[in-house]
C-alpha atoms as a PDB file:
ATOM      1  CA  UNK A   1       0.000   0.000   0.000  1.00  0.00           C
ATOM      2  CA  UNK A   2       1.216   3.517  -0.762  1.00  0.00           C
ATOM      3  CA  UNK A   3      -0.335   6.459   1.034  1.00  0.00           C
ATOM      4  CA  UNK A   4       2.817   8.474   1.592  1.00  0.00           C
ATOM      5  CA  UNK A   5       2.488  12.222   1.771  1.00  0.00           C
ATOM      6  CA  UNK A   6       3.962  13.882  -1.339  1.00  0.00           C
ATOM      7  CA  UNK A   7       6.818  16.346  -1.024  1.00  0.00           C
ATOM      8  CA  UNK A   8       5.954  19.971  -0.172  1.00  0.00           C
ATOM      9  CA  UNK A   9       4.315  21.731  -3.097  1.00  0.00           C
ATOM     10  CA  UNK A  10       3.184  18.481  -4.711  1.00  0.00           C
ATOM     11  CA  UNK A  11      -0.241  16.841  -4.691  1.00  0.00           C
ATOM     12  CA  UNK A  12      -1.792  13.521  -5.628  1.00  0.00           C
ATOM     13  CA  UNK A  13      -4.545  12.699  -8.099  1.00  0.00           C
ATOM     14  CA  UNK A  14      -6.143   9.275  -8.529  1.00  0.00           C
ATOM     15  CA  UNK A  15      -8.179   8.190 -11.547  1.00  0.00           C
ATOM     16  CA  UNK A  16      -9.754   4.931 -12.691  1.00  0.00           C
ATOM     17  CA  UNK A  17     -10.417   4.707 -16.404  1.00  0.00           C
ATOM     18  CA  UNK A  18     -10.563   1.043 -17.308  1.00  0.00           C
ATOM     19  CA  UNK A  19      -7.378  -0.883 -18.002  1.00  0.00           C
ATOM     20  CA  UNK A  20      -4.562   0.970 -16.279  1.00  0.00           C
ATOM     21  CA  UNK A  21      -2.179   0.115 -19.116  1.00  0.00           C
ATOM     22  CA  UNK A  22      -3.927   2.820 -21.136  1.00  0.00           C
ATOM     23  CA  UNK A  23      -4.087   5.454 -18.401  1.00  0.00           C
ATOM     24  CA  UNK A  24      -0.382   6.233 -17.996  1.00  0.00           C
ATOM     25  CA  UNK A  25       0.818   7.551 -21.350  1.00  0.00           C
ATOM     26  CA  UNK A  26      -1.805  10.346 -21.621  1.00  0.00           C
ATOM     27  CA  UNK A  27      -0.372  12.010 -18.490  1.00  0.00           C
ATOM     28  CA  UNK A  28       3.354  11.366 -18.852  1.00  0.00           C
ATOM     29  CA  UNK A  29       5.954  13.880 -20.014  1.00  0.00           C
ATOM     30  CA  UNK A  30       3.699  16.811 -19.124  1.00  0.00           C
ATOM     31  CA  UNK A  31       5.090  19.689 -17.045  1.00  0.00           C
ATOM     32  CA  UNK A  32       4.748  19.169 -13.326  1.00  0.00           C
ATOM     33  CA  UNK A  33       4.012  15.435 -13.505  1.00  0.00           C
ATOM     34  CA  UNK A  34       6.419  13.854 -11.021  1.00  0.00           C
ATOM     35  CA  UNK A  35       5.294  10.226 -11.123  1.00  0.00           C
ATOM     36  CA  UNK A  36       2.503   7.933 -12.323  1.00  0.00           C
ATOM     37  CA  UNK A  37       1.853   4.649 -10.545  1.00  0.00           C
ATOM     38  CA  UNK A  38      -0.531   1.919 -11.685  1.00  0.00           C
ATOM     39  CA  UNK A  39      -2.436   0.133  -8.954  1.00  0.00           C
ATOM     40  CA  UNK A  40      -5.682  -0.852  -7.296  1.00  0.00           C
ATOM     41  CA  UNK A  41      -8.033   1.175  -5.112  1.00  0.00           C
ATOM     42  CA  UNK A  42     -11.645   1.579  -4.047  1.00  0.00           C
ATOM     43  CA  UNK A  43     -12.164  -1.941  -2.721  1.00  0.00           C
ATOM     44  CA  UNK A  44     -12.405  -3.840   0.560  1.00  0.00           C
ATOM     45  CA  UNK A  45      -9.382  -6.163   0.589  1.00  0.00           C
ATOM     46  CA  UNK A  46      -5.758  -5.516   1.525  1.00  0.00           C
ATOM     47  CA  UNK A  47      -2.847  -6.019  -0.847  1.00  0.00           C
ATOM     48  CA  UNK A  48      -4.847  -7.238  -3.840  1.00  0.00           C
ATOM     49  CA  UNK A  49      -3.163  -8.852  -6.823  1.00  0.00           C
ATOM     50  CA  UNK A  50      -3.921  -8.393 -10.513  1.00  0.00           C
ATOM     51  CA  UNK A  51      -5.657 -11.760 -10.700  1.00  0.00           C
ATOM     52  CA  UNK A  52      -7.686 -11.101  -7.553  1.00  0.00           C
ATOM     53  CA  UNK A  53      -8.910  -7.740  -8.841  1.00  0.00           C
ATOM     54  CA  UNK A  54      -9.758  -9.282 -12.218  1.00  0.00           C
ATOM     55  CA  UNK A  55     -11.876 -11.912 -10.426  1.00  0.00           C
ATOM     56  CA  UNK A  56     -14.300  -9.124  -9.397  1.00  0.00           C
ATOM     57  CA  UNK A  57     -14.254 -10.194  -5.741  1.00  0.00           C
ATOM     58  CA  UNK A  58     -12.194  -7.384  -4.195  1.00  0.00           C
ATOM     59  CA  UNK A  59     -14.213  -4.282  -5.057  1.00  0.00           C
ATOM     60  CA  UNK A  60     -11.040  -2.618  -6.307  1.00  0.00           C
ATOM     61  CA  UNK A  61     -10.665  -0.813  -9.607  1.00  0.00           C
ATOM     62  CA  UNK A  62      -7.577  -0.582 -11.759  1.00  0.00           C
ATOM     63  CA  UNK A  63      -6.353   2.995 -11.349  1.00  0.00           C
ATOM     64  CA  UNK A  64      -3.410   5.354 -11.621  1.00  0.00           C
ATOM     65  CA  UNK A  65      -2.083   7.645  -8.904  1.00  0.00           C
ATOM     66  CA  UNK A  66      -0.336  10.774 -10.151  1.00  0.00           C
ATOM     67  CA  UNK A  67       1.993  13.004  -8.141  1.00  0.00           C
ATOM     68  CA  UNK A  68       1.994  16.481  -9.655  1.00  0.00           C
ATOM     69  CA  UNK A  69       2.942  20.111  -9.101  1.00  0.00           C
ATOM     70  CA  UNK A  70      -0.283  22.158  -9.275  1.00  0.00           C
ATOM     71  CA  UNK A  71       1.666  25.327 -10.041  1.00  0.00           C
ATOM     72  CA  UNK A  72       2.892  23.766 -13.279  1.00  0.00           C
ATOM     73  CA  UNK A  73      -0.093  21.597 -14.177  1.00  0.00           C
ATOM     74  CA  UNK A  74      -3.300  22.331 -12.271  1.00  0.00           C
ATOM     75  CA  UNK A  75      -5.783  19.648 -11.265  1.00  0.00           C
ATOM     76  CA  UNK A  76      -8.415  20.930 -13.678  1.00  0.00           C
ATOM     77  CA  UNK A  77      -6.079  20.098 -16.583  1.00  0.00           C
ATOM     78  CA  UNK A  78      -5.664  16.576 -15.240  1.00  0.00           C
ATOM     79  CA  UNK A  79      -9.441  16.276 -15.153  1.00  0.00           C
ATOM     80  CA  UNK A  80      -9.673  17.433 -18.746  1.00  0.00           C
ATOM     81  CA  UNK A  81      -7.192  14.770 -19.854  1.00  0.00           C
ATOM     82  CA  UNK A  82      -8.975  12.114 -17.772  1.00  0.00           C
ATOM     83  CA  UNK A  83     -12.376  12.699 -19.363  1.00  0.00           C
ATOM     84  CA  UNK A  84     -10.845  12.361 -22.819  1.00  0.00           C
ATOM     85  CA  UNK A  85      -9.588   8.836 -22.063  1.00  0.00           C
ATOM     86  CA  UNK A  86     -12.865   7.227 -21.023  1.00  0.00           C
ATOM     87  CA  UNK A  87     -16.489   6.582 -21.878  1.00  0.00           C
ATOM     88  CA  UNK A  88     -18.130   8.275 -18.881  1.00  0.00           C
ATOM     89  CA  UNK A  89     -21.570   6.874 -19.788  1.00  0.00           C
ATOM     90  CA  UNK A  90     -20.517   3.218 -19.397  1.00  0.00           C
ATOM     91  CA  UNK A  91     -21.469   1.827 -15.984  1.00  0.00           C
ATOM     92  CA  UNK A  92     -20.318  -1.711 -16.771  1.00  0.00           C
ATOM     93  CA  UNK A  93     -16.630  -1.188 -17.456  1.00  0.00           C
ATOM     94  CA  UNK A  94     -14.628   0.541 -20.157  1.00  0.00           C
ATOM     95  CA  UNK A  95     -14.580  -0.427 -23.827  1.00  0.00           C
ATOM     96  CA  UNK A  96     -13.815  -4.148 -24.257  1.00  0.00           C
ATOM     97  CA  UNK A  97     -13.016  -4.645 -20.559  1.00  0.00           C
ATOM     98  CA  UNK A  98     -16.126  -5.428 -18.540  1.00  0.00           C
ATOM     99  CA  UNK A  99     -16.760  -5.502 -14.819  1.00  0.00           C
ATOM    100  CA  UNK A 100     -16.532  -3.199 -11.806  1.00  0.00           C
ATOM    101  CA  UNK A 101     -12.748  -3.473 -11.709  1.00  0.00           C
ATOM    102  CA  UNK A 102     -12.735  -1.520 -14.974  1.00  0.00           C
ATOM    103  CA  UNK A 103     -15.187   1.174 -13.853  1.00  0.00           C
ATOM    104  CA  UNK A 104     -14.401   4.849 -14.280  1.00  0.00           C
ATOM    105  CA  UNK A 105     -13.945   6.941 -11.154  1.00  0.00           C
ATOM    106  CA  UNK A 106     -12.317  10.062  -9.779  1.00  0.00           C
ATOM    107  CA  UNK A 107     -10.891   9.551  -6.292  1.00  0.00           C
ATOM    108  CA  UNK A 108     -10.509  12.978  -4.697  1.00  0.00           C
ATOM    109  CA  UNK A 109      -7.828  13.730  -2.098  1.00  0.00           C
ATOM    110  CA  UNK A 110      -9.274  16.930  -0.639  1.00  0.00           C
ATOM    111  CA  UNK A 111     -12.386  19.065  -0.781  1.00  0.00           C
ATOM    112  CA  UNK A 112     -11.004  21.265  -3.537  1.00  0.00           C
ATOM    113  CA  UNK A 113     -10.490  18.252  -5.786  1.00  0.00           C
ATOM    114  CA  UNK A 114     -14.027  17.079  -5.018  1.00  0.00           C
ATOM    115  CA  UNK A 115     -15.454  20.477  -5.915  1.00  0.00           C
ATOM    116  CA  UNK A 116     -13.456  20.717  -9.141  1.00  0.00           C
ATOM    117  CA  UNK A 117     -14.303  17.144 -10.149  1.00  0.00           C
ATOM    118  CA  UNK A 118     -18.024  17.644  -9.558  1.00  0.00           C
ATOM    119  CA  UNK A 119     -17.978  20.916 -11.497  1.00  0.00           C
ATOM    120  CA  UNK A 120     -16.183  19.287 -14.423  1.00  0.00           C
ATOM    121  CA  UNK A 121     -18.683  16.415 -14.455  1.00  0.00           C
ATOM    122  CA  UNK A 122     -21.614  18.836 -14.504  1.00  0.00           C
ATOM    123  CA  UNK A 123     -19.985  20.801 -17.318  1.00  0.00           C
ATOM    124  CA  UNK A 124     -19.410  17.640 -19.344  1.00  0.00           C
ATOM    125  CA  UNK A 125     -23.009  16.537 -18.836  1.00  0.00           C
ATOM    126  CA  UNK A 126     -24.402  19.922 -19.871  1.00  0.00           C
ATOM    127  CA  UNK A 127     -22.164  20.030 -22.954  1.00  0.00           C
ATOM    128  CA  UNK A 128     -24.178  17.152 -24.467  1.00  0.00           C
ATOM    129  CA  UNK A 129     -20.979  15.754 -25.890  1.00  0.00           C
ATOM    130  CA  UNK A 130     -22.334  12.360 -24.858  1.00  0.00           C
ATOM    131  CA  UNK A 131     -25.935  11.240 -25.339  1.00  0.00           C
ATOM    132  CA  UNK A 132     -26.172   9.229 -22.141  1.00  0.00           C
ATOM    133  CA  UNK A 133     -25.947  10.178 -18.479  1.00  0.00           C
ATOM    134  CA  UNK A 134     -22.462  10.616 -17.014  1.00  0.00           C
ATOM    135  CA  UNK A 135     -22.017   7.775 -14.515  1.00  0.00           C
ATOM    136  CA  UNK A 136     -18.354   8.222 -13.533  1.00  0.00           C
ATOM    137  CA  UNK A 137     -18.064   8.067  -9.749  1.00  0.00           C
ATOM    138  CA  UNK A 138     -16.528  10.851  -7.677  1.00  0.00           C
ATOM    139  CA  UNK A 139     -15.539   9.335  -4.339  1.00  0.00           C
ATOM    140  CA  UNK A 140     -12.961   9.909  -1.569  1.00  0.00           C
ATOM    141  CA  UNK A 141      -9.502   8.481  -2.167  1.00  0.00           C
ATOM    142  CA  UNK A 142      -8.633   5.531   0.038  1.00  0.00           C
ATOM    143  CA  UNK A 143      -5.723   3.110   0.309  1.00  0.00           C
ATOM    144  CA  UNK A 144      -3.879   2.644  -2.976  1.00  0.00           C
ATOM    145  CA  UNK A 145      -2.056  -0.607  -3.674  1.00  0.00           C
ATOM    146  CA  UNK A 146       0.649  -0.522  -6.363  1.00  0.00           C
ATOM    147  CA  UNK A 147       0.258  -3.084  -9.112  1.00  0.00           C
ATOM    148  CA  UNK A 148       2.883  -5.703  -9.810  1.00  0.00           C
ATOM    149  CA  UNK A 149       6.067  -4.461 -11.469  1.00  0.00           C
ATOM    150  CA  UNK A 150       5.196  -5.959 -14.853  1.00  0.00           C
ATOM    151  CA  UNK A 151       2.171  -3.657 -15.029  1.00  0.00           C
ATOM    152  CA  UNK A 152       4.116  -0.454 -14.333  1.00  0.00           C
ATOM    153  CA  UNK A 153       4.819   1.524 -17.530  1.00  0.00           C
ATOM    154  CA  UNK A 154       3.383  -1.360 -19.515  1.00  0.00           C
ATOM    155  CA  UNK A 155       3.143   0.783 -22.645  1.00  0.00           C
ATOM    156  CA  UNK A 156       6.941   0.943 -22.629  1.00  0.00           C
ATOM    157  CA  UNK A 157       7.862  -2.520 -21.410  1.00  0.00           C
ATOM    158  CA  UNK A 158       5.511  -4.372 -23.773  1.00  0.00           C
ATOM    159  CA  UNK A 159       5.039  -1.823 -26.527  1.00  0.00           C
ATOM    160  CA  UNK A 160       3.929  -4.262 -29.237  1.00  0.00           C
ATOM    161  CA  UNK A 161       1.294  -6.006 -27.155  1.00  0.00           C
ATOM    162  CA  UNK A 162       0.140  -2.699 -25.703  1.00  0.00           C
ATOM    163  CA  UNK A 163      -0.428  -1.196 -29.159  1.00  0.00           C
ATOM    164  CA  UNK A 164      -2.360  -4.246 -30.361  1.00  0.00           C
ATOM    165  CA  UNK A 165      -4.472  -4.265 -27.213  1.00  0.00           C
ATOM    166  CA  UNK A 166      -5.202  -0.548 -27.352  1.00  0.00           C
ATOM    167  CA  UNK A 167      -6.109  -0.603 -31.035  1.00  0.00           C
ATOM    168  CA  UNK A 168      -8.487  -3.521 -30.506  1.00  0.00           C
ATOM    169  CA  UNK A 169     -10.108  -1.980 -27.431  1.00  0.00           C
ATOM    170  CA  UNK A 170     -11.908   0.818 -29.290  1.00  0.00           C
ATOM    171  CA  UNK A 171     -10.574   3.445 -26.903  1.00  0.00           C
ATOM    172  CA  UNK A 172      -8.852   5.549 -29.573  1.00  0.00           C
ATOM    173  CA  UNK A 173     -11.838   5.451 -31.935  1.00  0.00           C
ATOM    174  CA  UNK A 174     -14.077   6.617 -29.105  1.00  0.00           C
ATOM    175  CA  UNK A 175     -11.736   9.505 -28.281  1.00  0.00           C
ATOM    176  CA  UNK A 176     -11.487  10.567 -31.923  1.00  0.00           C
ATOM    177  CA  UNK A 177     -15.275  10.596 -32.225  1.00  0.00           C
ATOM    178  CA  UNK A 178     -16.092  12.506 -29.062  1.00  0.00           C
ATOM    179  CA  UNK A 179     -12.945  14.569 -28.536  1.00  0.00           C
ATOM    180  CA  UNK A 180     -11.505  15.992 -31.759  1.00  0.00           C
ATOM    181  CA  UNK A 181      -8.110  17.535 -31.017  1.00  0.00           C
ATOM    182  CA  UNK A 182      -9.206  21.082 -31.790  1.00  0.00           C
ATOM    183  CA  UNK A 183     -12.272  22.933 -30.602  1.00  0.00           C
ATOM    184  CA  UNK A 184     -15.342  22.697 -32.835  1.00  0.00           C
ATOM    185  CA  UNK A 185     -14.771  24.577 -36.055  1.00  0.00           C
ATOM    186  CA  UNK A 186     -17.423  27.191 -35.338  1.00  0.00           C
ATOM    187  CA  UNK A 187     -15.957  27.988 -31.936  1.00  0.00           C
ATOM    188  CA  UNK A 188     -12.466  28.282 -33.400  1.00  0.00           C
ATOM    189  CA  UNK A 189     -13.717  30.768 -35.983  1.00  0.00           C
ATOM    190  CA  UNK A 190     -15.410  32.838 -33.277  1.00  0.00           C
ATOM    191  CA  UNK A 191     -12.354  32.929 -31.040  1.00  0.00           C
ATOM    192  CA  UNK A 192      -9.649  33.460 -33.637  1.00  0.00           C
ATOM    193  CA  UNK A 193      -8.856  36.018 -36.301  1.00  0.00           C
ATOM    194  CA  UNK A 194      -9.002  34.751 -39.906  1.00  0.00           C
ATOM    195  CA  UNK A 195      -5.199  34.517 -40.001  1.00  0.00           C
ATOM    196  CA  UNK A 196      -5.030  32.692 -36.681  1.00  0.00           C
ATOM    197  CA  UNK A 197      -7.657  30.248 -37.870  1.00  0.00           C
ATOM    198  CA  UNK A 198      -5.737  29.402 -41.049  1.00  0.00           C
ATOM    199  CA  UNK A 199      -2.452  29.001 -39.172  1.00  0.00           C
ATOM    200  CA  UNK A 200      -3.840  26.953 -36.291  1.00  0.00           C
ATOM    201  CA  UNK A 201      -6.422  24.898 -38.174  1.00  0.00           C
ATOM    202  CA  UNK A 202      -4.761  24.371 -41.546  1.00  0.00           C
ATOM    203  CA  UNK A 203      -1.058  24.900 -40.896  1.00  0.00           C
ATOM    204  CA  UNK A 204      -0.759  28.087 -42.944  1.00  0.00           C
ATOM    205  CA  UNK A 205       2.281  30.326 -42.484  1.00  0.00           C
ATOM    206  CA  UNK A 206       1.942  33.968 -41.518  1.00  0.00           C
ATOM    207  CA  UNK A 207       3.971  36.674 -43.333  1.00  0.00           C
ATOM    208  CA  UNK A 208       7.554  37.155 -42.114  1.00  0.00           C
ATOM    209  CA  UNK A 209       8.257  40.339 -40.130  1.00  0.00           C
ATOM    210  CA  UNK A 210       4.581  41.323 -40.334  1.00  0.00           C
ATOM    211  CA  UNK A 211       3.665  39.538 -37.099  1.00  0.00           C
ATOM    212  CA  UNK A 212       3.689  40.726 -33.483  1.00  0.00           C
ATOM    213  CA  UNK A 213       6.324  38.542 -31.806  1.00  0.00           C
ATOM    214  CA  UNK A 214       9.195  38.049 -34.251  1.00  0.00           C
ATOM    215  CA  UNK A 215      11.261  40.755 -32.531  1.00  0.00           C
ATOM    216  CA  UNK A 216       9.687  40.845 -29.081  1.00  0.00           C
ATOM    217  CA  UNK A 217      12.085  42.050 -26.365  1.00  0.00           C
ATOM    218  CA  UNK A 218       9.768  41.944 -23.336  1.00  0.00           C
ATOM    219  CA  UNK A 219      10.276  39.216 -20.721  1.00  0.00           C
ATOM    220  CA  UNK A 220       7.541  36.619 -20.582  1.00  0.00           C
ATOM    221  CA  UNK A 221       6.274  33.344 -21.992  1.00  0.00           C
ATOM    222  CA  UNK A 222       4.240  32.304 -25.004  1.00  0.00           C
ATOM    223  CA  UNK A 223       1.239  30.045 -24.514  1.00  0.00           C
ATOM    224  CA  UNK A 224      -0.900  28.081 -26.937  1.00  0.00           C
ATOM    225  CA  UNK A 225      -3.483  30.530 -28.295  1.00  0.00           C
ATOM    226  CA  UNK A 226      -6.168  27.831 -28.122  1.00  0.00           C
ATOM    227  CA  UNK A 227      -5.330  25.658 -25.126  1.00  0.00           C
ATOM    228  CA  UNK A 228      -3.304  28.077 -23.002  1.00  0.00           C
ATOM    229  CA  UNK A 229      -0.460  25.653 -22.335  1.00  0.00           C
ATOM    230  CA  UNK A 230       2.960  27.293 -21.744  1.00  0.00           C
ATOM    231  CA  UNK A 231       5.114  26.529 -24.782  1.00  0.00           C
ATOM    232  CA  UNK A 232       8.080  28.919 -25.110  1.00  0.00           C
ATOM    233  CA  UNK A 233       9.955  31.600 -23.176  1.00  0.00           C
ATOM    234  CA  UNK A 234      11.579  34.836 -24.288  1.00  0.00           C
ATOM    235  CA  UNK A 235      14.694  33.574 -22.499  1.00  0.00           C
ATOM    236  CA  UNK A 236      15.061  31.030 -25.312  1.00  0.00           C
ATOM    237  CA  UNK A 237      13.986  33.382 -28.120  1.00  0.00           C
ATOM    238  CA  UNK A 238      16.466  34.753 -30.649  1.00  0.00           C
ATOM    239  CA  UNK A 239      16.494  36.449 -34.041  1.00  0.00           C
ATOM    240  CA  UNK A 240      16.979  33.782 -36.714  1.00  0.00           C
ATOM    241  CA  UNK A 241      16.930  36.420 -39.429  1.00  0.00           C
ATOM    242  CA  UNK A 242      13.822  35.164 -41.198  1.00  0.00           C
ATOM    243  CA  UNK A 243      11.072  37.271 -39.630  1.00  0.00           C
ATOM    244  CA  UNK A 244       9.358  34.676 -37.439  1.00  0.00           C
ATOM    245  CA  UNK A 245       9.682  33.982 -33.702  1.00  0.00           C
ATOM    246  CA  UNK A 246      12.541  31.519 -33.184  1.00  0.00           C
ATOM    247  CA  UNK A 247      13.332  29.520 -30.052  1.00  0.00           C
ATOM    248  CA  UNK A 248      16.247  27.313 -29.092  1.00  0.00           C
ATOM    249  CA  UNK A 249      14.057  25.012 -27.025  1.00  0.00           C
ATOM    250  CA  UNK A 250      10.478  24.723 -25.738  1.00  0.00           C
ATOM    251  CA  UNK A 251       9.503  25.141 -22.125  1.00  0.00           C
ATOM    252  CA  UNK A 252       8.257  21.552 -22.019  1.00  0.00           C
ATOM    253  CA  UNK A 253       8.952  19.158 -24.879  1.00  0.00           C
ATOM    254  CA  UNK A 254       6.065  17.010 -23.644  1.00  0.00           C
ATOM    255  CA  UNK A 255       3.578  19.711 -24.653  1.00  0.00           C
ATOM    256  CA  UNK A 256       4.630  19.483 -28.311  1.00  0.00           C
ATOM    257  CA  UNK A 257       3.896  16.871 -30.950  1.00  0.00           C
ATOM    258  CA  UNK A 258       6.012  16.347 -34.046  1.00  0.00           C
ATOM    259  CA  UNK A 259       4.556  15.295 -37.392  1.00  0.00           C
ATOM    260  CA  UNK A 260       5.959  14.890 -40.887  1.00  0.00           C
ATOM    261  CA  UNK A 261       5.042  17.802 -43.177  1.00  0.00           C
ATOM    262  CA  UNK A 262       5.149  16.393 -46.715  1.00  0.00           C
ATOM    263  CA  UNK A 263       3.897  19.571 -48.394  1.00  0.00           C
ATOM    264  CA  UNK A 264       7.460  20.712 -49.135  1.00  0.00           C
ATOM    265  CA  UNK A 265      10.565  19.152 -50.614  1.00  0.00           C
ATOM    266  CA  UNK A 266      12.466  18.096 -48.666  1.00  0.00           C
ATOM    267  CA  UNK A 267       9.855  17.251 -46.001  1.00  0.00           C
ATOM    268  CA  UNK A 268       9.895  19.206 -42.756  1.00  0.00           C
ATOM    269  CA  UNK A 269       8.898  18.499 -39.171  1.00  0.00           C
ATOM    270  CA  UNK A 270       5.625  20.191 -38.288  1.00  0.00           C
ATOM    271  CA  UNK A 271       5.066  21.176 -34.663  1.00  0.00           C
ATOM    272  CA  UNK A 272       1.665  20.925 -33.009  1.00  0.00           C
ATOM    273  CA  UNK A 273       0.440  21.573 -29.491  1.00  0.00           C
ATOM    274  CA  UNK A 274       0.001  18.130 -27.941  1.00  0.00           C
ATOM    275  CA  UNK A 275      -3.176  18.829 -25.994  1.00  0.00           C
ATOM    276  CA  UNK A 276      -5.084  21.207 -28.295  1.00  0.00           C
ATOM    277  CA  UNK A 277      -3.805  19.969 -31.660  1.00  0.00           C
ATOM    278  CA  UNK A 278      -3.024  23.520 -32.802  1.00  0.00           C
ATOM    279  CA  UNK A 279      -0.554  23.854 -35.670  1.00  0.00           C
ATOM    280  CA  UNK A 280       2.345  25.970 -34.405  1.00  0.00           C
ATOM    281  CA  UNK A 281       5.178  25.991 -36.929  1.00  0.00           C
ATOM    282  CA  UNK A 282       8.212  23.860 -37.756  1.00  0.00           C
ATOM    283  CA  UNK A 283      11.374  22.417 -36.273  1.00  0.00           C
ATOM    284  CA  UNK A 284      14.237  23.470 -38.523  1.00  0.00           C
ATOM    285  CA  UNK A 285      17.569  21.659 -38.522  1.00  0.00           C
ATOM    286  CA  UNK A 286      18.785  19.844 -35.451  1.00  0.00           C
ATOM    287  CA  UNK A 287      18.492  21.642 -32.136  1.00  0.00           C
ATOM    288  CA  UNK A 288      21.836  21.943 -30.421  1.00  0.00           C
ATOM    289  CA  UNK A 289      23.774  21.469 -33.658  1.00  0.00           C
ATOM    290  CA  UNK A 290      26.445  23.819 -34.952  1.00  0.00           C
ATOM    291  CA  UNK A 291      24.010  24.840 -37.671  1.00  0.00           C
ATOM    292  CA  UNK A 292      21.703  26.191 -35.002  1.00  0.00           C
ATOM    293  CA  UNK A 293      18.523  24.221 -35.417  1.00  0.00           C
ATOM    294  CA  UNK A 294      15.521  25.918 -33.873  1.00  0.00           C
ATOM    295  CA  UNK A 295      11.779  26.030 -33.386  1.00  0.00           C
ATOM    296  CA  UNK A 296      10.208  28.464 -35.867  1.00  0.00           C
ATOM    297  CA  UNK A 297       6.746  29.342 -34.610  1.00  0.00           C
ATOM    298  CA  UNK A 298       3.951  31.492 -35.999  1.00  0.00           C
ATOM    299  CA  UNK A 299       2.990  34.427 -33.791  1.00  0.00           C
ATOM    300  CA  UNK A 300      -0.629  33.733 -34.740  1.00  0.00           C
ATOM    301  CA  UNK A 301      -0.510  30.430 -32.859  1.00  0.00           C
ATOM    302  CA  UNK A 302       0.723  32.059 -29.657  1.00  0.00           C
ATOM    303  CA  UNK A 303      -0.450  34.374 -26.903  1.00  0.00           C
ATOM    304  CA  UNK A 304       2.191  36.363 -25.036  1.00  0.00           C
ATOM    305  CA  UNK A 305       2.030  36.598 -21.240  1.00  0.00           C
ATOM    306  CA  UNK A 306       4.381  39.268 -19.787  1.00  0.00           C
ATOM    307  CA  UNK A 307       6.487  38.231 -16.813  1.00  0.00           C
ATOM    308  CA  UNK A 308       4.556  40.464 -14.407  1.00  0.00           C
ATOM    309  CA  UNK A 309       1.302  38.824 -15.510  1.00  0.00           C
ATOM    310  CA  UNK A 310       2.415  35.224 -15.001  1.00  0.00           C
ATOM    311  CA  UNK A 311       1.073  34.865 -11.459  1.00  0.00           C
ATOM    312  CA  UNK A 312      -2.216  36.744 -12.051  1.00  0.00           C
ATOM    313  CA  UNK A 313      -2.914  34.634 -15.144  1.00  0.00           C
ATOM    314  CA  UNK A 314      -2.170  31.298 -13.453  1.00  0.00           C
ATOM    315  CA  UNK A 315       1.397  30.722 -14.642  1.00  0.00           C
ATOM    316  CA  UNK A 316       3.225  31.383 -11.352  1.00  0.00           C
ATOM    317  CA  UNK A 317       5.177  28.155 -11.723  1.00  0.00           C
ATOM    318  CA  UNK A 318       6.969  29.605 -14.739  1.00  0.00           C
ATOM    319  CA  UNK A 319       8.557  32.410 -12.682  1.00  0.00           C
ATOM    320  CA  UNK A 320      11.276  29.958 -11.656  1.00  0.00           C
ATOM    321  CA  UNK A 321      12.685  30.396 -15.164  1.00  0.00           C
ATOM    322  CA  UNK A 322      13.988  33.816 -14.165  1.00  0.00           C
ATOM    323  CA  UNK A 323      15.005  32.754 -10.656  1.00  0.00           C
ATOM    324  CA  UNK A 324      17.649  30.474 -12.169  1.00  0.00           C
ATOM    325  CA  UNK A 325      19.395  33.480 -13.690  1.00  0.00           C
ATOM    326  CA  UNK A 326      19.384  35.767 -10.654  1.00  0.00           C
END
C-alpha cells in the first residue's frame, strides 16, 4: 500500500479509467508530472493482486495515482485529460473490458479536488458531448495498492502487445469521435482572427516580419493561443533572421507533438500543441547542432504573457525560469 504524503508543493490525483495500461501515457511527459503509478483502489481487501482484482471479488478498480505540481499543471487540466480517455456513460466497465474493476472513477484527495471534479462532471453533462448520463463516480480516495512491477509503464515494457491491445479496445476510436483535437470549427472561428484560424487549423504560415512577436524584447512566456499551455519563453527566443519567432528550445517538450510535413521538398517536421492539436510551426535543422537548429513558430498560434502577468494569469510556476538566472 502507498499512502505516503507527497513532497511539499506536490499533490496527488487518482483516476480509474478502465485498463490501467492505457491510463499512464496520456499524463506522462507533461510539465509538473512527477510520477505515475498503476495500482488498485476503491475496494475492501488488503494487498490485492492483478488476478484477484480481475476476479471481481475485491471491489477494487484498476487505477493510476499521479503526483503532480499544481503550479505547473493544475488539477483541472488533469481532469480534462482524464475525461478524454474514457467513456463516462458506461457503468459496466470501459470499452472491451467489462466488470466493476474496470469502472471509471475520480478519487478525490481533498475538498477542492471534489469540488473541481463535480464541477467538471456537470460541465461535461451539460455540454451534451455524450448522449447518455455521465455515470463516472466521484468518491474519496482511500488506500492505494501498487500493481505488480510488470504492469508499471506497460506501454513501454511491452510496446507491441500494448499497441495491439489498445487498437483492438476501441478506446482511440471513441476519443477521436467525441474529442476531436481542436475545438469545434465554429468555436475556433469565433475565437480566432481569420489569419489565426488558417495558421492553427490548416497549418498556414503567416507573413515574415509582419507579425507581433518576431522581434519581441519583453520578458515573458508564449502560450498556446487555443489551449493556453505554456510553450516557449523569451529567455530562449532569438532572431533567426527570417522574420518569425525563433526559439532554441520549448519550455516543455512534452507539450509538443512532431509530425511529418510532406507539403514541401524536402519534407519538414511540423510542430503541433500536444493537448489542443493547434498547428504551431516547424522544427528546422537539429536543435543543439552547430548549424543552429531551432523552433520556428507562428505568432498567430501564440499568446504572449508578460512576466509580471504570469502569477495573475495562473502561470506562477513559470517564474522559476527567471530565478535560475538571478
